[in-house]
Amino acid sequence: QVQLVESGGGLVQAGGSLRLSCAASRITFSIHAMGWYRQTSGKQRELVALIGNGGITNYADSVKGRFTISRDNAKNTVYLQMNSLKPDDTAVYYCNVKDAATWYDYWGQGTQVTVSS
């Protein structure tokens, strides 16, 4: 059973920084991409950032220039460095791993990020 363990969420003031980590274990398949999504109450889960096997990244327009996604393939770990945080970034952040063969999505349990104004 694939496990995605997230860490690094918390409470921060606007303008501050946080770094999220997600360690994937029991991976027995080729990974297509790893990424981060976020969700607030009453809204759909939305993409924050993705990183593919070749290091190609994709960001939501709302976080471009402020967030940076990176990946340690040897450790099957993905990171999200979040700078210049805004109250609108407040959400539960979910780690995602996509199976390259089946395109099945695996999800972490989520970590709360709260940005106070």
C-alpha atoms as a PDB file:
ATOM      1  CA  GLN A   1       0.000   0.000   0.000  1.00  0.00           C
ATOM      2  CA  VAL A   2       1.481   3.306  -1.124  1.00  0.00           C
ATOM      3  CA  GLN A   3       2.037   5.813   1.657  1.00  0.00           C
ATOM      4  CA  LEU A   4       2.447   9.553   1.223  1.00  0.00           C
ATOM      5  CA  VAL A   5       3.478  11.312   4.414  1.00  0.00           C
ATOM      6  CA  GLU A   6       3.295  15.090   4.392  1.00  0.00           C
ATOM      7  CA  SER A   7       4.885  17.508   6.810  1.00  0.00           C
ATOM      8  CA  GLY A   8       5.674  21.181   7.155  1.00  0.00           C
ATOM      9  CA  GLY A   9       2.282  22.823   7.360  1.00  0.00           C
ATOM     10  CA  GLY A  10       1.375  25.316  10.037  1.00  0.00           C
ATOM     11  CA  LEU A  11       0.448  28.887  10.868  1.00  0.00           C
ATOM     12  CA  VAL A  12       2.430  31.760   9.423  1.00  0.00           C
ATOM     13  CA  GLN A  13       1.940  35.494   9.006  1.00  0.00           C
ATOM     14  CA  ALA A  14       1.402  37.024   5.612  1.00  0.00           C
ATOM     15  CA  GLY A  15       4.711  37.484   3.849  1.00  0.00           C
ATOM     16  CA  GLY A  16       6.243  34.523   5.602  1.00  0.00           C
ATOM     17  CA  SER A  17       7.493  31.200   4.297  1.00  0.00           C
ATOM     18  CA  LEU A  18       6.823  27.512   4.788  1.00  0.00           C
ATOM     19  CA  ARG A  19       8.299  24.389   3.278  1.00  0.00           C
ATOM     20  CA  LEU A  20       6.159  21.320   2.729  1.00  0.00           C
ATOM     21  CA  SER A  21       7.609  17.849   2.322  1.00  0.00           C
ATOM     22  CA  CYS A  22       6.019  14.646   1.102  1.00  0.00           C
ATOM     23  CA  ALA A  23       7.783  11.311   1.371  1.00  0.00           C
ATOM     24  CA  ALA A  24       6.365   8.490  -0.728  1.00  0.00           C
ATOM     25  CA  SER A  25       6.984   4.906   0.321  1.00  0.00           C
ATOM     26  CA  ARG A  26       6.076   1.448  -0.960  1.00  0.00           C
ATOM     27  CA  ILE A  27       6.278   2.726  -4.524  1.00  0.00           C
ATOM     28  CA  THR A  28       6.324  -0.249  -6.887  1.00  0.00           C
ATOM     29  CA  PHE A  29       5.548   1.582 -10.103  1.00  0.00           C
ATOM     30  CA  SER A  30       7.031   4.257 -12.321  1.00  0.00           C
ATOM     31  CA  ILE A  31       6.016   7.716 -11.235  1.00  0.00           C
ATOM     32  CA  HIS A  32       4.713  10.043 -13.915  1.00  0.00           C
ATOM     33  CA  ALA A  33       4.691  13.153 -11.765  1.00  0.00           C
ATOM     34  CA  MET A  34       4.594  14.338  -8.182  1.00  0.00           C
ATOM     35  CA  GLY A  35       2.783  17.409  -7.077  1.00  0.00           C
ATOM     36  CA  TRP A  36       0.827  19.485  -4.639  1.00  0.00           C
ATOM     37  CA  TYR A  37      -2.830  20.415  -4.654  1.00  0.00           C
ATOM     38  CA  ARG A  38      -4.842  22.460  -2.200  1.00  0.00           C
ATOM     39  CA  GLN A  39      -8.431  22.671  -1.092  1.00  0.00           C
ATOM     40  CA  THR A  40     -10.512  25.036   0.984  1.00  0.00           C
ATOM     41  CA  SER A  41     -13.911  24.354   2.443  1.00  0.00           C
ATOM     42  CA  GLY A  42     -16.629  24.280  -0.199  1.00  0.00           C
ATOM     43  CA  LYS A  43     -14.244  24.448  -3.116  1.00  0.00           C
ATOM     44  CA  GLN A  44     -12.747  21.891  -5.469  1.00  0.00           C
ATOM     45  CA  ARG A  45      -9.216  20.691  -5.013  1.00  0.00           C
ATOM     46  CA  GLU A  46      -6.912  22.725  -7.239  1.00  0.00           C
ATOM     47  CA  LEU A  47      -3.453  22.211  -8.633  1.00  0.00           C
ATOM     48  CA  VAL A  48      -0.668  24.180  -6.984  1.00  0.00           C
ATOM     49  CA  ALA A  49       2.442  22.722  -8.624  1.00  0.00           C
ATOM     50  CA  LEU A  50       3.606  19.606 -10.455  1.00  0.00           C
ATOM     51  CA  ILE A  51       7.025  18.223 -11.287  1.00  0.00           C
ATOM     52  CA  GLY A  52       7.593  15.532 -13.871  1.00  0.00           C
ATOM     53  CA  ASN A  53      10.333  12.960 -14.198  1.00  0.00           C
ATOM     54  CA  GLY A  54      12.462  15.255 -16.325  1.00  0.00           C
ATOM     55  CA  GLY A  55      12.161  18.059 -13.830  1.00  0.00           C
ATOM     56  CA  ILE A  56       9.590  19.910 -15.879  1.00  0.00           C
ATOM     57  CA  THR A  57       7.411  21.999 -13.582  1.00  0.00           C
ATOM     58  CA  ASN A  58       3.959  23.459 -13.835  1.00  0.00           C
ATOM     59  CA  TYR A  59       2.496  26.046 -11.469  1.00  0.00           C
ATOM     60  CA  ALA A  60      -0.860  27.596 -10.865  1.00  0.00           C
ATOM     61  CA  ASP A  61      -0.820  31.223 -11.968  1.00  0.00           C
ATOM     62  CA  SER A  62      -1.629  32.335  -8.436  1.00  0.00           C
ATOM     63  CA  VAL A  63       1.629  30.925  -7.029  1.00  0.00           C
ATOM     64  CA  LYS A  64       4.083  31.572  -9.860  1.00  0.00           C
ATOM     65  CA  GLY A  65       7.129  33.437  -8.637  1.00  0.00           C
ATOM     66  CA  ARG A  66       6.360  32.645  -4.992  1.00  0.00           C
ATOM     67  CA  PHE A  67       6.321  28.848  -4.755  1.00  0.00           C
ATOM     68  CA  THR A  68       8.975  26.405  -5.899  1.00  0.00           C
ATOM     69  CA  ILE A  69       8.486  22.671  -6.292  1.00  0.00           C
ATOM     70  CA  SER A  70      11.429  20.281  -6.204  1.00  0.00           C
ATOM     71  CA  ARG A  71      11.935  16.568  -6.055  1.00  0.00           C
ATOM     72  CA  ASP A  72      14.448  14.070  -4.734  1.00  0.00           C
ATOM     73  CA  ASN A  73      14.001  11.008  -6.925  1.00  0.00           C
ATOM     74  CA  ALA A  74      16.289   8.842  -4.826  1.00  0.00           C
ATOM     75  CA  LYS A  75      14.079   9.442  -1.801  1.00  0.00           C
ATOM     76  CA  ASN A  76      10.759   9.645  -3.670  1.00  0.00           C
ATOM     77  CA  THR A  77      10.225  12.937  -1.891  1.00  0.00           C
ATOM     78  CA  VAL A  78       8.685  16.122  -3.200  1.00  0.00           C
ATOM     79  CA  TYR A  79       9.004  19.551  -1.642  1.00  0.00           C
ATOM     80  CA  LEU A  80       7.099  22.797  -1.933  1.00  0.00           C
ATOM     81  CA  GLN A  81       8.895  25.967  -0.862  1.00  0.00           C
ATOM     82  CA  MET A  82       6.285  28.647  -0.288  1.00  0.00           C
ATOM     83  CA  ASN A  83       7.448  32.256   0.014  1.00  0.00           C
ATOM     84  CA  SER A  84       5.588  35.552   0.265  1.00  0.00           C
ATOM     85  CA  LEU A  85       2.565  33.722   1.578  1.00  0.00           C
ATOM     86  CA  LYS A  86      -0.823  35.396   1.402  1.00  0.00           C
ATOM     87  CA  PRO A  87      -4.041  34.780   3.354  1.00  0.00           C
ATOM     88  CA  ASP A  88      -5.520  33.397   0.103  1.00  0.00           C
ATOM     89  CA  ASP A  89      -2.959  30.572   0.286  1.00  0.00           C
ATOM     90  CA  THR A  90      -4.723  29.235   3.372  1.00  0.00           C
ATOM     91  CA  ALA A  91      -5.886  25.696   2.583  1.00  0.00           C
ATOM     92  CA  VAL A  92      -5.272  22.025   3.189  1.00  0.00           C
ATOM     93  CA  TYR A  93      -2.379  21.007   0.963  1.00  0.00           C
ATOM     94  CA  TYR A  94      -2.315  17.495  -0.477  1.00  0.00           C
ATOM     95  CA  CYS A  95       0.607  15.615  -1.926  1.00  0.00           C
ATOM     96  CA  ASN A  96      -0.066  13.694  -5.138  1.00  0.00           C
ATOM     97  CA  VAL A  97       1.752  10.932  -6.996  1.00  0.00           C
ATOM     98  CA  LYS A  98       0.551   9.774 -10.406  1.00  0.00           C
ATOM     99  CA  ASP A  99       1.284   6.254 -11.670  1.00  0.00           C
ATOM    100  CA  ALA A 100       2.900   6.487 -15.125  1.00  0.00           C
ATOM    101  CA  ALA A 101       1.237   3.332 -16.454  1.00  0.00           C
ATOM    102  CA  THR A 102      -2.285   3.635 -15.103  1.00  0.00           C
ATOM    103  CA  TRP A 103      -2.470   7.371 -14.352  1.00  0.00           C
ATOM    104  CA  TYR A 104      -3.914   6.450 -10.997  1.00  0.00           C
ATOM    105  CA  ASP A 105      -3.579   9.214  -8.409  1.00  0.00           C
ATOM    106  CA  TYR A 106      -2.323   8.570  -4.913  1.00  0.00           C
ATOM    107  CA  TRP A 107      -2.974  11.189  -2.243  1.00  0.00           C
ATOM    108  CA  GLY A 108      -1.515  12.137   1.075  1.00  0.00           C
ATOM    109  CA  GLN A 109      -3.637  12.858   4.124  1.00  0.00           C
ATOM    110  CA  GLY A 110      -3.264  16.616   3.755  1.00  0.00           C
ATOM    111  CA  THR A 111      -1.514  19.255   5.813  1.00  0.00           C
ATOM    112  CA  GLN A 112      -3.078  22.515   6.930  1.00  0.00           C
ATOM    113  CA  VAL A 113      -1.472  25.791   5.925  1.00  0.00           C
ATOM    114  CA  THR A 114      -2.906  28.907   7.539  1.00  0.00           C
ATOM    115  CA  VAL A 115      -1.698  32.383   6.624  1.00  0.00           C
ATOM    116  CA  SER A 116      -2.808  35.184   8.919  1.00  0.00           C
ATOM    117  CA  SER A 117      -3.140  38.763   7.776  1.00  0.00           C
END
